[in-house]
C-alpha atoms as a PDB file:
ATOM      1  CA  UNK A   1     112.022-139.477  51.703  1.00  0.00           C
ATOM      2  CA  UNK A   2     114.100-139.497  48.557  1.00  0.00           C
ATOM      3  CA  UNK A   3     111.943-139.926  45.469  1.00  0.00           C
ATOM      4  CA  UNK A   4     112.721-142.885  43.280  1.00  0.00           C
ATOM      5  CA  UNK A   5     115.281-141.970  40.597  1.00  0.00           C
ATOM      6  CA  UNK A   6     113.073-143.212  37.734  1.00  0.00           C
ATOM      7  CA  UNK A   7     110.285-141.012  39.020  1.00  0.00           C
ATOM      8  CA  UNK A   8     112.666-138.006  39.049  1.00  0.00           C
ATOM      9  CA  UNK A   9     113.663-138.666  35.468  1.00  0.00           C
ATOM     10  CA  UNK A  10     110.008-138.995  34.462  1.00  0.00           C
ATOM     11  CA  UNK A  11     109.153-135.769  36.232  1.00  0.00           C
ATOM     12  CA  UNK A  12     112.019-133.948  34.591  1.00  0.00           C
ATOM     13  CA  UNK A  13     111.045-135.209  31.147  1.00  0.00           C
ATOM     14  CA  UNK A  14     107.356-134.351  31.779  1.00  0.00           C
ATOM     15  CA  UNK A  15     108.219-130.806  32.846  1.00  0.00           C
ATOM     16  CA  UNK A  16     110.479-130.316  29.770  1.00  0.00           C
ATOM     17  CA  UNK A  17     107.773-131.646  27.443  1.00  0.00           C
ATOM     18  CA  UNK A  18     105.198-129.344  29.066  1.00  0.00           C
ATOM     19  CA  UNK A  19     107.444-126.328  28.434  1.00  0.00           C
ATOM     20  CA  UNK A  20     107.874-127.269  24.770  1.00  0.00           C
ATOM     21  CA  UNK A  21     104.147-127.786  24.362  1.00  0.00           C
ATOM     22  CA  UNK A  22     103.478-124.443  26.028  1.00  0.00           C
ATOM     23  CA  UNK A  23     105.996-122.726  23.762  1.00  0.00           C
ATOM     24  CA  UNK A  24     104.426-124.292  20.742  1.00  0.00           C
ATOM     25  CA  UNK A  25     101.000-123.181  21.883  1.00  0.00           C
ATOM     26  CA  UNK A  26     102.321-119.652  22.151  1.00  0.00           C
ATOM     27  CA  UNK A  27     103.612-119.621  18.562  1.00  0.00           C
ATOM     28  CA  UNK A  28     100.422-121.034  17.146  1.00  0.00           C
ATOM     29  CA  UNK A  29      98.202-118.488  18.812  1.00  0.00           C
ATOM     30  CA  UNK A  30     100.229-115.719  17.198  1.00  0.00           C
ATOM     31  CA  UNK A  31      99.681-117.154  13.761  1.00  0.00           C
ATOM     32  CA  UNK A  32      95.929-117.680  14.321  1.00  0.00           C
ATOM     33  CA  UNK A  33      95.197-114.225  15.770  1.00  0.00           C
ATOM     34  CA  UNK A  34      97.266-111.642  13.856  1.00  0.00           C
ATOM     35  CA  UNK A  35      94.556-109.065  13.889  1.00  0.00           C
ATOM     36  CA  UNK A  36      94.251-108.931  17.714  1.00  0.00           C
ATOM     37  CA  UNK A  37      95.958-106.315  19.887  1.00  0.00           C
ATOM     38  CA  UNK A  38      99.521-107.630  20.118  1.00  0.00           C
ATOM     39  CA  UNK A  39      99.882-106.592  23.756  1.00  0.00           C
ATOM     40  CA  UNK A  40      96.565-108.139  24.812  1.00  0.00           C
ATOM     41  CA  UNK A  41      97.346-111.317  22.841  1.00  0.00           C
ATOM     42  CA  UNK A  42     100.729-111.579  24.511  1.00  0.00           C
ATOM     43  CA  UNK A  43      99.258-111.164  27.968  1.00  0.00           C
ATOM     44  CA  UNK A  44      96.643-113.914  27.357  1.00  0.00           C
ATOM     45  CA  UNK A  45      99.291-116.280  26.021  1.00  0.00           C
ATOM     46  CA  UNK A  46     101.583-115.596  28.964  1.00  0.00           C
ATOM     47  CA  UNK A  47      98.740-116.227  31.413  1.00  0.00           C
ATOM     48  CA  UNK A  48      97.950-119.520  29.613  1.00  0.00           C
ATOM     49  CA  UNK A  49     101.572-120.646  29.859  1.00  0.00           C
ATOM     50  CA  UNK A  50     101.665-119.875  33.574  1.00  0.00           C
ATOM     51  CA  UNK A  51      98.522-122.030  34.048  1.00  0.00           C
ATOM     52  CA  UNK A  52     100.042-124.924  32.173  1.00  0.00           C
ATOM     53  CA  UNK A  53     103.349-124.741  34.027  1.00  0.00           C
ATOM     54  CA  UNK A  54     101.481-124.511  37.331  1.00  0.00           C
ATOM     55  CA  UNK A  55      99.705-127.787  36.742  1.00  0.00           C
ATOM     56  CA  UNK A  56     101.368-130.873  38.139  1.00  0.00           C
ATOM     57  CA  UNK A  57     101.566-134.050  36.290  1.00  0.00           C
ATOM     58  CA  UNK A  58     100.037-137.223  37.657  1.00  0.00           C
ATOM     59  CA  UNK A  59     103.526-138.447  38.570  1.00  0.00           C
ATOM     60  CA  UNK A  60     104.222-135.266  40.522  1.00  0.00           C
ATOM     61  CA  UNK A  61     100.898-135.371  42.340  1.00  0.00           C
ATOM     62  CA  UNK A  62     101.490-139.017  43.273  1.00  0.00           C
ATOM     63  CA  UNK A  63     105.045-138.312  44.463  1.00  0.00           C
ATOM     64  CA  UNK A  64     103.643-135.557  46.729  1.00  0.00           C
ATOM     65  CA  UNK A  65     101.328-138.097  48.253  1.00  0.00           C
ATOM     66  CA  UNK A  66     104.072-140.652  48.710  1.00  0.00           C
ATOM     67  CA  UNK A  67     106.301-138.056  50.350  1.00  0.00           C
ATOM     68  CA  UNK A  68     104.092-138.130  53.429  1.00  0.00           C
ATOM     69  CA  UNK A  69     102.729-141.677  53.200  1.00  0.00           C
ATOM     70  CA  UNK A  70     105.800-143.891  52.924  1.00  0.00           C
ATOM     71  CA  UNK A  71     108.159-144.536  55.818  1.00  0.00           C
ATOM     72  CA  UNK A  72     111.280-146.604  54.999  1.00  0.00           C
ATOM     73  CA  UNK A  73     113.654-145.459  57.724  1.00  0.00           C
ATOM     74  CA  UNK A  74     112.073-147.410  60.596  1.00  0.00           C
ATOM     75  CA  UNK A  75     110.100-144.531  62.094  1.00  0.00           C
ATOM     76  CA  UNK A  76     106.691-146.109  62.279  1.00  0.00           C
ATOM     77  CA  UNK A  77     103.759-143.784  62.927  1.00  0.00           C
ATOM     78  CA  UNK A  78     100.004-143.836  62.235  1.00  0.00           C
ATOM     79  CA  UNK A  79      99.079-142.947  58.720  1.00  0.00           C
ATOM     80  CA  UNK A  80     102.020-144.278  56.737  1.00  0.00           C
ATOM     81  CA  UNK A  81     102.959-147.235  54.654  1.00  0.00           C
ATOM     82  CA  UNK A  82     105.714-148.878  56.688  1.00  0.00           C
ATOM     83  CA  UNK A  83     108.365-151.092  55.216  1.00  0.00           C
ATOM     84  CA  UNK A  84     108.715-153.975  57.697  1.00  0.00           C
ATOM     85  CA  UNK A  85     112.359-154.594  58.691  1.00  0.00           C
ATOM     86  CA  UNK A  86     114.042-157.890  59.679  1.00  0.00           C
ATOM     87  CA  UNK A  87     113.168-158.765  63.223  1.00  0.00           C
ATOM     88  CA  UNK A  88     110.121-156.469  63.439  1.00  0.00           C
ATOM     89  CA  UNK A  89     107.131-157.727  65.405  1.00  0.00           C
ATOM     90  CA  UNK A  90     103.540-156.436  65.283  1.00  0.00           C
ATOM     91  CA  UNK A  91     103.699-155.268  68.904  1.00  0.00           C
ATOM     92  CA  UNK A  92     107.047-153.543  68.419  1.00  0.00           C
ATOM     93  CA  UNK A  93     105.668-151.649  65.383  1.00  0.00           C
ATOM     94  CA  UNK A  94     102.553-150.762  67.337  1.00  0.00           C
ATOM     95  CA  UNK A  95     104.586-149.531  70.293  1.00  0.00           C
ATOM     96  CA  UNK A  96     106.836-147.478  68.042  1.00  0.00           C
ATOM     97  CA  UNK A  97     103.904-145.895  66.248  1.00  0.00           C
ATOM     98  CA  UNK A  98     101.995-144.802  69.279  1.00  0.00           C
ATOM     99  CA  UNK A  99     104.753-144.000  71.793  1.00  0.00           C
ATOM    100  CA  UNK A 100     107.986-143.698  69.790  1.00  0.00           C
ATOM    101  CA  UNK A 101     109.892-146.567  71.297  1.00  0.00           C
ATOM    102  CA  UNK A 102     110.798-150.137  70.350  1.00  0.00           C
ATOM    103  CA  UNK A 103     111.728-151.008  73.937  1.00  0.00           C
ATOM    104  CA  UNK A 104     108.948-152.883  75.734  1.00  0.00           C
ATOM    105  CA  UNK A 105     110.359-151.971  79.160  1.00  0.00           C
ATOM    106  CA  UNK A 106     109.843-148.279  78.329  1.00  0.00           C
ATOM    107  CA  UNK A 107     106.084-148.709  78.535  1.00  0.00           C
ATOM    108  CA  UNK A 108     104.851-149.522  82.042  1.00  0.00           C
ATOM    109  CA  UNK A 109     101.426-147.789  82.104  1.00  0.00           C
ATOM    110  CA  UNK A 110      98.750-150.541  81.792  1.00  0.00           C
ATOM    111  CA  UNK A 111      96.584-148.269  79.756  1.00  0.00           C
ATOM    112  CA  UNK A 112      99.342-147.635  77.298  1.00  0.00           C
ATOM    113  CA  UNK A 113     100.049-151.345  77.074  1.00  0.00           C
ATOM    114  CA  UNK A 114      96.402-152.022  76.296  1.00  0.00           C
ATOM    115  CA  UNK A 115      96.495-149.349  73.631  1.00  0.00           C
ATOM    116  CA  UNK A 116      99.499-150.971  72.039  1.00  0.00           C
ATOM    117  CA  UNK A 117      97.683-154.278  71.747  1.00  0.00           C
ATOM    118  CA  UNK A 118      94.513-152.547  70.490  1.00  0.00           C
ATOM    119  CA  UNK A 119      96.513-150.807  67.735  1.00  0.00           C
ATOM    120  CA  UNK A 120      98.250-154.004  66.738  1.00  0.00           C
ATOM    121  CA  UNK A 121      94.842-155.492  66.122  1.00  0.00           C
ATOM    122  CA  UNK A 122      93.881-152.498  63.954  1.00  0.00           C
ATOM    123  CA  UNK A 123      97.068-153.025  61.893  1.00  0.00           C
ATOM    124  CA  UNK A 124      96.258-156.659  61.352  1.00  0.00           C
ATOM    125  CA  UNK A 125      92.623-155.857  60.587  1.00  0.00           C
ATOM    126  CA  UNK A 126      93.340-153.288  57.834  1.00  0.00           C
ATOM    127  CA  UNK A 127      91.539-154.826  54.850  1.00  0.00           C
ATOM    128  CA  UNK A 128      94.385-153.684  52.601  1.00  0.00           C
ATOM    129  CA  UNK A 129      96.988-155.373  54.821  1.00  0.00           C
ATOM    130  CA  UNK A 130      94.916-158.531  55.103  1.00  0.00           C
ATOM    131  CA  UNK A 131      94.238-158.661  51.363  1.00  0.00           C
ATOM    132  CA  UNK A 132      97.932-158.639  50.549  1.00  0.00           C
ATOM    133  CA  UNK A 133      99.538-160.377  53.494  1.00  0.00           C
ATOM    134  CA  UNK A 134      96.808-162.189  55.469  1.00  0.00           C
ATOM    135  CA  UNK A 135      97.270-165.708  56.586  1.00  0.00           C
ATOM    136  CA  UNK A 136      95.362-167.907  59.081  1.00  0.00           C
ATOM    137  CA  UNK A 137      96.727-167.298  62.590  1.00  0.00           C
ATOM    138  CA  UNK A 138      97.884-170.867  62.957  1.00  0.00           C
ATOM    139  CA  UNK A 139     100.094-170.531  59.929  1.00  0.00           C
ATOM    140  CA  UNK A 140     102.008-167.430  61.110  1.00  0.00           C
ATOM    141  CA  UNK A 141     105.543-168.115  62.147  1.00  0.00           C
ATOM    142  CA  UNK A 142     106.946-164.633  62.676  1.00  0.00           C
ATOM    143  CA  UNK A 143     105.768-161.149  63.743  1.00  0.00           C
ATOM    144  CA  UNK A 144     104.910-161.727  67.446  1.00  0.00           C
ATOM    145  CA  UNK A 145     101.170-162.054  66.854  1.00  0.00           C
ATOM    146  CA  UNK A 146      99.257-161.830  70.100  1.00  0.00           C
ATOM    147  CA  UNK A 147      96.692-164.224  71.615  1.00  0.00           C
ATOM    148  CA  UNK A 148      94.019-161.540  71.725  1.00  0.00           C
ATOM    149  CA  UNK A 149      94.024-161.458  67.925  1.00  0.00           C
ATOM    150  CA  UNK A 150      91.893-164.553  68.099  1.00  0.00           C
ATOM    151  CA  UNK A 151      89.042-162.542  69.595  1.00  0.00           C
ATOM    152  CA  UNK A 152      88.930-160.241  66.573  1.00  0.00           C
ATOM    153  CA  UNK A 153      90.473-161.854  63.485  1.00  0.00           C
ATOM    154  CA  UNK A 154      90.934-165.137  61.694  1.00  0.00           C
ATOM    155  CA  UNK A 155      93.806-163.702  59.600  1.00  0.00           C
ATOM    156  CA  UNK A 156      97.050-162.059  60.707  1.00  0.00           C
ATOM    157  CA  UNK A 157      99.762-160.371  58.666  1.00  0.00           C
ATOM    158  CA  UNK A 158     102.638-162.579  57.705  1.00  0.00           C
ATOM    159  CA  UNK A 159     106.014-160.940  58.471  1.00  0.00           C
ATOM    160  CA  UNK A 160     107.965-163.540  56.456  1.00  0.00           C
ATOM    161  CA  UNK A 161     110.245-162.289  53.646  1.00  0.00           C
ATOM    162  CA  UNK A 162     108.247-164.061  50.946  1.00  0.00           C
ATOM    163  CA  UNK A 163     106.659-161.194  48.917  1.00  0.00           C
ATOM    164  CA  UNK A 164     107.354-159.061  45.848  1.00  0.00           C
ATOM    165  CA  UNK A 165     108.954-155.625  46.404  1.00  0.00           C
ATOM    166  CA  UNK A 166     105.698-153.730  46.881  1.00  0.00           C
ATOM    167  CA  UNK A 167     107.517-150.500  47.881  1.00  0.00           C
ATOM    168  CA  UNK A 168     109.178-150.392  44.532  1.00  0.00           C
ATOM    169  CA  UNK A 169     105.941-151.282  42.750  1.00  0.00           C
ATOM    170  CA  UNK A 170     104.004-148.422  44.380  1.00  0.00           C
ATOM    171  CA  UNK A 171     106.868-145.989  43.663  1.00  0.00           C
ATOM    172  CA  UNK A 172     106.455-146.979  40.033  1.00  0.00           C
ATOM    173  CA  UNK A 173     102.711-146.446  40.336  1.00  0.00           C
ATOM    174  CA  UNK A 174     102.059-150.158  39.901  1.00  0.00           C
ATOM    175  CA  UNK A 175      99.607-152.239  41.880  1.00  0.00           C
ATOM    176  CA  UNK A 176     101.092-154.021  44.907  1.00  0.00           C
ATOM    177  CA  UNK A 177     100.916-157.756  44.682  1.00  0.00           C
ATOM    178  CA  UNK A 178     100.828-160.852  46.948  1.00  0.00           C
ATOM    179  CA  UNK A 179     103.063-162.663  44.500  1.00  0.00           C
ATOM    180  CA  UNK A 180     105.953-164.608  45.942  1.00  0.00           C
ATOM    181  CA  UNK A 181     109.342-162.977  46.288  1.00  0.00           C
ATOM    182  CA  UNK A 182     112.067-162.329  48.841  1.00  0.00           C
ATOM    183  CA  UNK A 183     110.884-159.132  50.406  1.00  0.00           C
ATOM    184  CA  UNK A 184     109.146-158.217  53.683  1.00  0.00           C
ATOM    185  CA  UNK A 185     105.681-156.700  53.531  1.00  0.00           C
ATOM    186  CA  UNK A 186     104.907-153.032  53.148  1.00  0.00           C
ATOM    187  CA  UNK A 187     102.039-152.532  55.602  1.00  0.00           C
ATOM    188  CA  UNK A 188      99.576-149.737  56.220  1.00  0.00           C
ATOM    189  CA  UNK A 189      99.503-148.332  59.764  1.00  0.00           C
ATOM    190  CA  UNK A 190      95.986-146.970  60.265  1.00  0.00           C
ATOM    191  CA  UNK A 191      95.409-143.339  61.125  1.00  0.00           C
ATOM    192  CA  UNK A 192      93.616-143.265  64.482  1.00  0.00           C
ATOM    193  CA  UNK A 193      92.207-140.509  66.620  1.00  0.00           C
ATOM    194  CA  UNK A 194      95.353-139.361  68.311  1.00  0.00           C
ATOM    195  CA  UNK A 195      93.533-136.815  70.488  1.00  0.00           C
ATOM    196  CA  UNK A 196      91.483-139.572  72.044  1.00  0.00           C
ATOM    197  CA  UNK A 197      94.561-141.731  72.439  1.00  0.00           C
ATOM    198  CA  UNK A 198      96.330-138.848  74.314  1.00  0.00           C
ATOM    199  CA  UNK A 199      93.326-137.907  76.471  1.00  0.00           C
ATOM    200  CA  UNK A 200      91.611-141.165  77.089  1.00  0.00           C
ATOM    201  CA  UNK A 201      94.107-143.887  76.118  1.00  0.00           C
ATOM    202  CA  UNK A 202      91.567-145.098  73.582  1.00  0.00           C
ATOM    203  CA  UNK A 203      92.485-146.527  70.110  1.00  0.00           C
ATOM    204  CA  UNK A 204      89.698-145.732  67.739  1.00  0.00           C
ATOM    205  CA  UNK A 205      89.035-145.084  64.009  1.00  0.00           C
ATOM    206  CA  UNK A 206      85.653-143.650  64.647  1.00  0.00           C
ATOM    207  CA  UNK A 207      85.210-140.537  62.483  1.00  0.00           C
ATOM    208  CA  UNK A 208      88.631-141.038  60.895  1.00  0.00           C
ATOM    209  CA  UNK A 209      87.834-140.854  57.187  1.00  0.00           C
ATOM    210  CA  UNK A 210      89.718-139.711  54.196  1.00  0.00           C
ATOM    211  CA  UNK A 211      88.378-136.526  52.453  1.00  0.00           C
ATOM    212  CA  UNK A 212      85.513-137.089  49.971  1.00  0.00           C
ATOM    213  CA  UNK A 213      86.473-137.711  46.333  1.00  0.00           C
ATOM    214  CA  UNK A 214      84.734-137.210  43.052  1.00  0.00           C
ATOM    215  CA  UNK A 215      83.880-140.923  43.158  1.00  0.00           C
ATOM    216  CA  UNK A 216      82.148-140.714  46.531  1.00  0.00           C
ATOM    217  CA  UNK A 217      82.533-140.348  50.259  1.00  0.00           C
ATOM    218  CA  UNK A 218      85.915-140.846  51.843  1.00  0.00           C
ATOM    219  CA  UNK A 219      86.634-144.253  53.268  1.00  0.00           C
ATOM    220  CA  UNK A 220      87.975-145.221  56.670  1.00  0.00           C
ATOM    221  CA  UNK A 221      91.618-144.472  57.488  1.00  0.00           C
ATOM    222  CA  UNK A 222      91.997-148.100  58.432  1.00  0.00           C
ATOM    223  CA  UNK A 223      93.107-148.390  54.799  1.00  0.00           C
ATOM    224  CA  UNK A 224      95.464-146.153  52.715  1.00  0.00           C
ATOM    225  CA  UNK A 225      93.974-143.157  50.855  1.00  0.00           C
ATOM    226  CA  UNK A 226      92.113-143.465  47.551  1.00  0.00           C
ATOM    227  CA  UNK A 227      95.288-142.685  45.522  1.00  0.00           C
ATOM    228  CA  UNK A 228      96.884-145.870  46.811  1.00  0.00           C
ATOM    229  CA  UNK A 229      93.704-147.940  46.605  1.00  0.00           C
ATOM    230  CA  UNK A 230      93.195-146.887  42.975  1.00  0.00           C
ATOM    231  CA  UNK A 231      96.374-148.710  42.063  1.00  0.00           C
ATOM    232  CA  UNK A 232      94.587-151.888  42.860  1.00  0.00           C
ATOM    233  CA  UNK A 233      96.137-154.978  44.286  1.00  0.00           C
ATOM    234  CA  UNK A 234      96.416-158.716  43.612  1.00  0.00           C
ATOM    235  CA  UNK A 235      94.976-160.389  46.709  1.00  0.00           C
ATOM    236  CA  UNK A 236      95.688-163.698  48.360  1.00  0.00           C
ATOM    237  CA  UNK A 237      92.943-163.381  50.924  1.00  0.00           C
ATOM    238  CA  UNK A 238      89.207-163.975  50.649  1.00  0.00           C
ATOM    239  CA  UNK A 239      86.779-161.239  49.585  1.00  0.00           C
ATOM    240  CA  UNK A 240      85.859-160.633  53.259  1.00  0.00           C
ATOM    241  CA  UNK A 241      88.589-159.490  55.710  1.00  0.00           C
ATOM    242  CA  UNK A 242      89.150-161.795  58.594  1.00  0.00           C
ATOM    243  CA  UNK A 243      88.277-159.268  61.307  1.00  0.00           C
ATOM    244  CA  UNK A 244      85.113-158.873  63.354  1.00  0.00           C
ATOM    245  CA  UNK A 245      84.839-155.812  65.590  1.00  0.00           C
END
């Protein structure tokens, strides 16, 4: 994925500033420690500069995360933020993420068809998705929402182009919003246990948690990782997600 041009400029400026700061640090240390062994002092200063240059800025770390998390070219797969495209449906995205095809006739195995429906429900039941894009099922006009949703959820994801550009906002390290606009939603595709899907045809998030953080234990992969959640979001849904399973 190509990184946003503004981010590239920020990263370039940040790296340049870091080099200047490191160079300044080097000169100051010489002035403060004239009595030290020059060779030893130089080695210590060089090591300090290497450490500083080896540290990534917050923007660089965030871009590394986005590199693997954002999918804008239509290749849906579990564990990414997927930019919905015109004409997409929830089942089509689910089929593509699990089995790599948009063609419904390509999937004839009943077990695979069931998995596609189960995964579609998990997409709709992601609290992050529901908080930004959730609407009562009877208000949804697009997206191919399925009847079995009604067994699990009272809210489905709206696929209407009525939202702000949340892809751009996240690239700029801004909180996504449910504000009105002319863009399609940027949805999270939950990271499921792919081994169980392959071996048993089962769609499950059991045991699928993000790594622990300094703030606490890692949360379920039904939502994006902590780095995305920390951006916050402006919600249109209720405090409680509409799913029950």
